[in-house]
N, C-alpha and C. Protein backbone atom coordinates (compact mmCIF):
# COMPACT_ATOMS: atom_id res chain seq x y z
N MET A 1 -59.14 145.45 16.26
CA MET A 1 -57.84 145.94 15.80
C MET A 1 -58.03 147.23 15.00
N GLY A 2 -57.04 148.08 15.07
CA GLY A 2 -57.10 149.34 14.35
C GLY A 2 -56.45 149.23 12.98
N ASN A 3 -56.55 150.30 12.23
CA ASN A 3 -55.92 150.35 10.91
C ASN A 3 -54.41 150.50 11.07
N GLY A 4 -53.68 149.80 10.25
CA GLY A 4 -52.23 149.92 10.26
C GLY A 4 -51.78 151.14 9.49
N CYS A 5 -50.69 151.70 9.88
CA CYS A 5 -50.14 152.88 9.21
C CYS A 5 -49.23 152.42 8.07
N ILE A 6 -49.56 152.83 6.88
CA ILE A 6 -48.75 152.49 5.72
C ILE A 6 -47.74 153.62 5.51
N THR A 7 -46.48 153.28 5.48
CA THR A 7 -45.46 154.31 5.31
C THR A 7 -45.44 154.79 3.86
N LYS A 8 -45.40 156.08 3.70
CA LYS A 8 -45.35 156.68 2.37
C LYS A 8 -43.95 157.18 2.12
N LYS A 9 -43.61 157.27 0.87
CA LYS A 9 -42.31 157.82 0.51
C LYS A 9 -42.32 159.32 0.77
N LYS A 10 -41.21 159.82 1.26
CA LYS A 10 -41.09 161.26 1.47
C LYS A 10 -40.97 161.95 0.11
N LYS A 11 -41.56 163.12 0.01
CA LYS A 11 -41.47 163.87 -1.24
C LYS A 11 -40.06 164.41 -1.39
N GLU A 12 -39.51 164.23 -2.56
CA GLU A 12 -38.16 164.71 -2.86
C GLU A 12 -38.25 166.14 -3.39
N PRO A 13 -37.30 167.02 -3.04
CA PRO A 13 -37.29 168.37 -3.61
C PRO A 13 -36.97 168.32 -5.10
N LEU A 14 -37.43 169.32 -5.83
CA LEU A 14 -37.18 169.35 -7.28
C LEU A 14 -35.70 169.48 -7.60
N LEU A 15 -34.98 170.29 -6.84
CA LEU A 15 -33.55 170.46 -7.03
C LEU A 15 -32.84 170.22 -5.71
N LYS A 16 -31.82 169.42 -5.77
CA LYS A 16 -31.01 169.19 -4.58
C LYS A 16 -29.74 170.03 -4.71
N ILE A 17 -29.25 170.54 -3.61
CA ILE A 17 -28.04 171.37 -3.65
C ILE A 17 -26.85 170.52 -4.11
N VAL A 18 -26.90 169.22 -3.88
CA VAL A 18 -25.82 168.33 -4.33
C VAL A 18 -25.77 168.30 -5.85
N ASP A 19 -26.95 168.34 -6.51
CA ASP A 19 -27.00 168.34 -7.97
C ASP A 19 -26.40 169.61 -8.57
N LEU A 20 -26.43 170.70 -7.82
CA LEU A 20 -25.96 171.99 -8.32
C LEU A 20 -24.52 172.29 -7.94
N MET A 21 -23.84 171.36 -7.30
CA MET A 21 -22.49 171.64 -6.81
C MET A 21 -21.51 171.94 -7.95
N GLY A 22 -21.73 171.41 -9.14
CA GLY A 22 -20.86 171.69 -10.26
C GLY A 22 -21.09 173.06 -10.86
N PHE A 23 -22.22 173.67 -10.54
CA PHE A 23 -22.57 174.97 -11.08
C PHE A 23 -22.39 176.04 -10.01
N GLU A 24 -21.92 177.18 -10.41
CA GLU A 24 -21.77 178.27 -9.47
C GLU A 24 -22.89 179.29 -9.60
N GLN A 25 -23.56 179.33 -10.77
CA GLN A 25 -24.63 180.29 -10.96
C GLN A 25 -25.66 179.75 -11.94
N MET A 26 -26.86 180.32 -11.87
CA MET A 26 -27.94 180.00 -12.80
C MET A 26 -28.35 181.29 -13.48
N THR A 27 -28.70 181.21 -14.75
CA THR A 27 -29.15 182.39 -15.50
C THR A 27 -30.59 182.17 -15.93
N ILE A 28 -31.45 183.15 -15.64
CA ILE A 28 -32.88 183.06 -15.92
C ILE A 28 -33.28 184.27 -16.75
N ARG A 29 -34.08 184.04 -17.81
CA ARG A 29 -34.58 185.15 -18.61
C ARG A 29 -35.88 185.65 -17.98
N CYS A 30 -35.93 186.94 -17.66
CA CYS A 30 -37.10 187.51 -16.99
C CYS A 30 -37.10 189.02 -17.20
N ARG A 31 -38.00 189.71 -16.51
CA ARG A 31 -38.08 191.17 -16.55
C ARG A 31 -37.54 191.73 -15.24
N GLY A 32 -36.87 192.87 -15.33
CA GLY A 32 -36.32 193.48 -14.13
C GLY A 32 -35.70 194.83 -14.43
N ASP A 33 -34.93 195.35 -13.48
CA ASP A 33 -34.24 196.64 -13.59
C ASP A 33 -32.76 196.39 -13.85
N CYS A 34 -32.24 196.92 -14.96
CA CYS A 34 -30.85 196.69 -15.36
C CYS A 34 -29.90 197.44 -14.42
N VAL A 35 -28.85 196.76 -13.99
CA VAL A 35 -27.87 197.38 -13.10
C VAL A 35 -26.85 198.21 -13.87
N LEU A 36 -26.74 198.03 -15.18
CA LEU A 36 -25.75 198.77 -15.97
C LEU A 36 -26.30 200.07 -16.53
N CYS A 37 -27.49 200.02 -17.16
CA CYS A 37 -28.04 201.23 -17.80
C CYS A 37 -29.22 201.82 -17.03
N ASP A 38 -29.60 201.25 -15.91
CA ASP A 38 -30.68 201.74 -15.04
C ASP A 38 -32.05 201.80 -15.70
N ARG A 39 -32.29 200.99 -16.73
CA ARG A 39 -33.64 200.91 -17.31
C ARG A 39 -34.53 200.10 -16.38
N LYS A 40 -35.79 200.48 -16.29
CA LYS A 40 -36.74 199.86 -15.37
C LYS A 40 -37.67 198.92 -16.13
N ASP A 41 -38.00 197.79 -15.54
CA ASP A 41 -38.96 196.82 -16.04
C ASP A 41 -38.70 196.48 -17.52
N ILE A 42 -37.52 195.97 -17.80
CA ILE A 42 -37.12 195.61 -19.16
C ILE A 42 -36.72 194.14 -19.18
N GLU A 43 -36.85 193.52 -20.33
CA GLU A 43 -36.54 192.09 -20.45
C GLU A 43 -35.02 191.89 -20.50
N GLY A 44 -34.58 190.85 -19.84
CA GLY A 44 -33.14 190.56 -19.81
C GLY A 44 -32.84 189.27 -19.07
N PHE A 45 -31.64 189.17 -18.52
CA PHE A 45 -31.20 187.96 -17.86
C PHE A 45 -30.76 188.25 -16.43
N GLU A 46 -31.19 187.40 -15.51
CA GLU A 46 -30.81 187.51 -14.11
C GLU A 46 -29.92 186.32 -13.77
N SER A 47 -28.73 186.60 -13.29
CA SER A 47 -27.80 185.56 -12.86
C SER A 47 -27.81 185.49 -11.35
N LYS A 48 -28.05 184.28 -10.83
CA LYS A 48 -28.10 184.07 -9.39
C LYS A 48 -27.00 183.10 -8.99
N SER A 49 -26.33 183.40 -7.90
CA SER A 49 -25.33 182.51 -7.36
C SER A 49 -26.04 181.38 -6.61
N VAL A 50 -25.60 180.15 -6.82
CA VAL A 50 -26.23 179.00 -6.18
C VAL A 50 -25.81 178.91 -4.72
N LEU A 51 -24.56 179.19 -4.44
CA LEU A 51 -24.04 178.99 -3.09
C LEU A 51 -24.19 180.22 -2.20
N GLU A 52 -24.31 181.38 -2.78
CA GLU A 52 -24.45 182.62 -2.02
C GLU A 52 -25.75 183.30 -2.41
N LYS A 53 -26.09 184.40 -1.79
CA LYS A 53 -27.34 185.10 -2.08
C LYS A 53 -27.12 186.29 -3.00
N ASN A 54 -26.19 186.19 -3.91
CA ASN A 54 -25.90 187.28 -4.84
C ASN A 54 -26.70 187.10 -6.12
N LYS A 55 -27.16 188.22 -6.70
CA LYS A 55 -27.83 188.17 -8.00
C LYS A 55 -27.59 189.48 -8.72
N ILE A 56 -27.64 189.42 -10.06
CA ILE A 56 -27.43 190.60 -10.90
C ILE A 56 -28.36 190.47 -12.10
N PHE A 57 -28.93 191.59 -12.54
CA PHE A 57 -29.82 191.60 -13.70
C PHE A 57 -29.22 192.50 -14.77
N VAL A 58 -29.15 191.99 -16.00
CA VAL A 58 -28.63 192.75 -17.15
C VAL A 58 -29.65 192.64 -18.28
N CYS A 59 -30.03 193.77 -18.86
CA CYS A 59 -31.03 193.77 -19.94
C CYS A 59 -30.42 193.23 -21.24
N LEU A 60 -31.30 192.98 -22.21
CA LEU A 60 -30.85 192.42 -23.49
C LEU A 60 -29.95 193.39 -24.24
N ASN A 61 -30.20 194.71 -24.11
CA ASN A 61 -29.38 195.71 -24.80
C ASN A 61 -27.95 195.72 -24.27
N CYS A 62 -27.78 195.63 -22.97
CA CYS A 62 -26.44 195.66 -22.37
C CYS A 62 -25.72 194.32 -22.51
N LYS A 63 -26.46 193.25 -22.68
CA LYS A 63 -25.84 191.93 -22.80
C LYS A 63 -25.06 191.80 -24.11
N THR A 64 -25.57 192.44 -25.16
CA THR A 64 -24.92 192.30 -26.48
C THR A 64 -23.75 193.24 -26.65
């Protein structure tokens, strides 16, 4: 007789789109190019749309 196959649990994704349905966007603090003042490689916040592929980056100076 051969070895039996033991079924393993499928790996779950870290975030499910169903969990994010109440949210329309996520904000992440990172470095990037500001769309308002055109500063390059500056620290700020990037807002990403969960349902669409839109994103915008705003530096800390323009945020305040």
